[in-house]
Amino acid sequence: MRNGSDSNGPWYHGSNRLFDELVSGSTVTPWRKLAAAFSHQPDLLSYDDDGAIWHNGTEPGYLYVIAEEIVIGRDIYPHPRTTMDENVEFLTRRPLRLRLIERLAAPPAQP
């Protein structure tokens, strides 16, 4: 699990779509592996204390890094209704530029 965040980043976003800018209200995380998991569009996702992630997503995805400086409180804020640990899931206050860093194949089926 990734607990704790650094406003200097990097910050990640996972999606099943290609685009250059993240809209206001989108989710970002300092945990790269979590953003990658979300790119597969799971209905269910969980992680354990060791950072292992399980999800049921099946789509290929795209992993992005935020391509500009962002500051917690000004540009992003903790997700108010997250079910995850503190400092794992944040929402954007404004549009943010993205840079594609990885194309992700559809994951293998998980038991």
Protein backbone atom coordinates (compact mmCIF):
# COMPACT_ATOMS: atom_id res chain seq x y z
CA MET A 1 0.00 0.00 0.00
CA ARG A 2 1.13 3.53 -0.68
CA ASN A 3 0.30 5.83 2.20
CA GLY A 4 1.55 9.38 2.21
CA SER A 5 1.86 11.75 -0.68
CA ASP A 6 4.32 14.32 -1.88
CA SER A 7 2.99 17.38 -3.68
CA ASN A 8 6.10 17.30 -5.86
CA GLY A 9 4.74 14.15 -7.44
CA PRO A 10 4.77 12.24 -9.56
CA TRP A 11 1.01 11.94 -9.79
CA TYR A 12 -0.70 9.35 -11.97
CA HIS A 13 -4.02 8.73 -13.71
CA GLY A 14 -5.17 5.52 -15.38
CA SER A 15 -7.78 5.36 -18.11
CA ASN A 16 -9.00 3.19 -20.95
CA ARG A 17 -9.03 6.23 -23.25
CA LEU A 18 -6.42 8.43 -24.94
CA PHE A 19 -6.41 12.16 -24.18
CA ASP A 20 -4.00 15.01 -23.38
CA GLU A 21 -5.81 16.80 -20.58
CA LEU A 22 -7.54 15.58 -17.44
CA VAL A 23 -10.81 17.35 -16.64
CA SER A 24 -11.60 18.92 -13.29
CA GLY A 25 -13.00 16.38 -10.83
CA SER A 26 -10.86 13.50 -12.12
CA THR A 27 -9.03 11.09 -9.84
CA VAL A 28 -5.25 11.09 -9.43
CA THR A 29 -2.95 9.12 -7.15
CA PRO A 30 0.72 9.10 -6.16
CA TRP A 31 0.58 5.27 -6.44
CA ARG A 32 1.54 4.27 -9.97
CA LYS A 33 0.43 0.64 -9.62
CA LEU A 34 -3.02 1.75 -8.43
CA ALA A 35 -3.48 4.10 -11.40
CA ALA A 36 -2.47 1.26 -13.73
CA ALA A 37 -5.06 -1.02 -12.11
CA PHE A 38 -7.79 1.60 -12.53
CA SER A 39 -6.93 1.94 -16.22
CA HIS A 40 -8.45 -1.52 -16.70
CA GLN A 41 -11.89 -0.22 -15.56
CA PRO A 42 -12.54 -2.63 -12.70
CA ASP A 43 -15.86 -2.88 -10.88
CA LEU A 44 -14.01 -4.26 -7.85
CA LEU A 45 -10.53 -3.40 -6.60
CA SER A 46 -8.72 -4.10 -3.35
CA TYR A 47 -5.18 -4.00 -2.02
CA ASP A 48 -3.40 -5.38 0.98
CA ASP A 49 -0.86 -3.90 3.39
CA ASP A 50 2.02 -5.20 1.23
CA GLY A 51 0.78 -3.28 -1.82
CA ALA A 52 -0.58 -6.23 -3.76
CA ILE A 53 -3.59 -5.14 -5.83
CA TRP A 54 -6.46 -7.37 -6.94
CA HIS A 55 -9.10 -6.18 -9.41
CA ASN A 56 -11.56 -7.56 -11.92
CA GLY A 57 -10.84 -5.09 -14.76
CA THR A 58 -10.53 -6.58 -18.23
CA GLU A 59 -9.87 -3.68 -20.61
CA PRO A 60 -6.53 -2.56 -22.02
CA GLY A 61 -5.50 0.75 -20.51
CA TYR A 62 -3.28 3.81 -20.58
CA LEU A 63 -1.13 5.08 -17.74
CA TYR A 64 -0.52 8.82 -17.54
CA VAL A 65 1.62 11.08 -15.39
CA ILE A 66 0.53 14.63 -14.65
CA ALA A 67 2.75 16.81 -16.86
CA GLU A 68 2.77 19.94 -14.74
CA GLU A 69 3.41 20.97 -11.16
CA ILE A 70 0.50 20.41 -8.82
CA VAL A 71 0.01 21.28 -5.19
CA ILE A 72 -2.25 19.51 -2.71
CA GLY A 73 -5.01 21.87 -1.61
CA ARG A 74 -4.62 24.19 -4.58
CA ASP A 75 -4.79 21.85 -7.59
CA ILE A 76 -5.94 18.58 -6.00
CA TYR A 77 -7.65 17.58 -2.77
CA PRO A 78 -8.28 14.29 -0.93
CA HIS A 79 -11.25 12.40 -2.35
CA PRO A 80 -14.05 13.07 0.17
CA ARG A 81 -15.78 9.70 -0.32
CA THR A 82 -12.83 7.39 -0.87
CA THR A 83 -12.88 3.88 0.53
CA MET A 84 -9.08 3.76 0.39
CA ASP A 85 -6.44 4.76 2.89
CA GLU A 86 -5.57 8.39 3.52
CA ASN A 87 -3.42 10.08 0.84
CA VAL A 88 -4.12 7.47 -1.83
CA GLU A 89 -6.94 9.00 -3.89
CA PHE A 90 -7.30 12.69 -4.82
CA LEU A 91 -9.60 14.72 -7.06
CA THR A 92 -8.50 17.50 -9.39
CA ARG A 93 -9.73 21.07 -8.98
CA ARG A 94 -8.81 22.16 -12.51
CA PRO A 95 -7.85 20.66 -15.88
CA LEU A 96 -4.34 19.18 -15.84
CA ARG A 97 -1.98 18.33 -18.71
CA LEU A 98 -1.11 14.66 -19.08
CA ARG A 99 1.75 12.70 -20.59
CA LEU A 100 1.17 9.10 -21.66
CA ILE A 101 3.84 6.90 -20.09
CA GLU A 102 2.60 3.37 -20.75
CA ARG A 103 0.11 1.42 -22.84
CA LEU A 104 -1.20 -1.49 -20.81
CA ALA A 105 -2.44 -4.77 -22.25
CA ALA A 106 -5.63 -6.24 -20.92
CA PRO A 107 -4.76 -8.05 -17.70
CA PRO A 108 -4.97 -11.81 -17.40
CA ALA A 109 -8.04 -13.11 -15.62
CA GLN A 110 -7.53 -13.16 -11.85
CA PRO A 111 -9.00 -15.87 -9.64
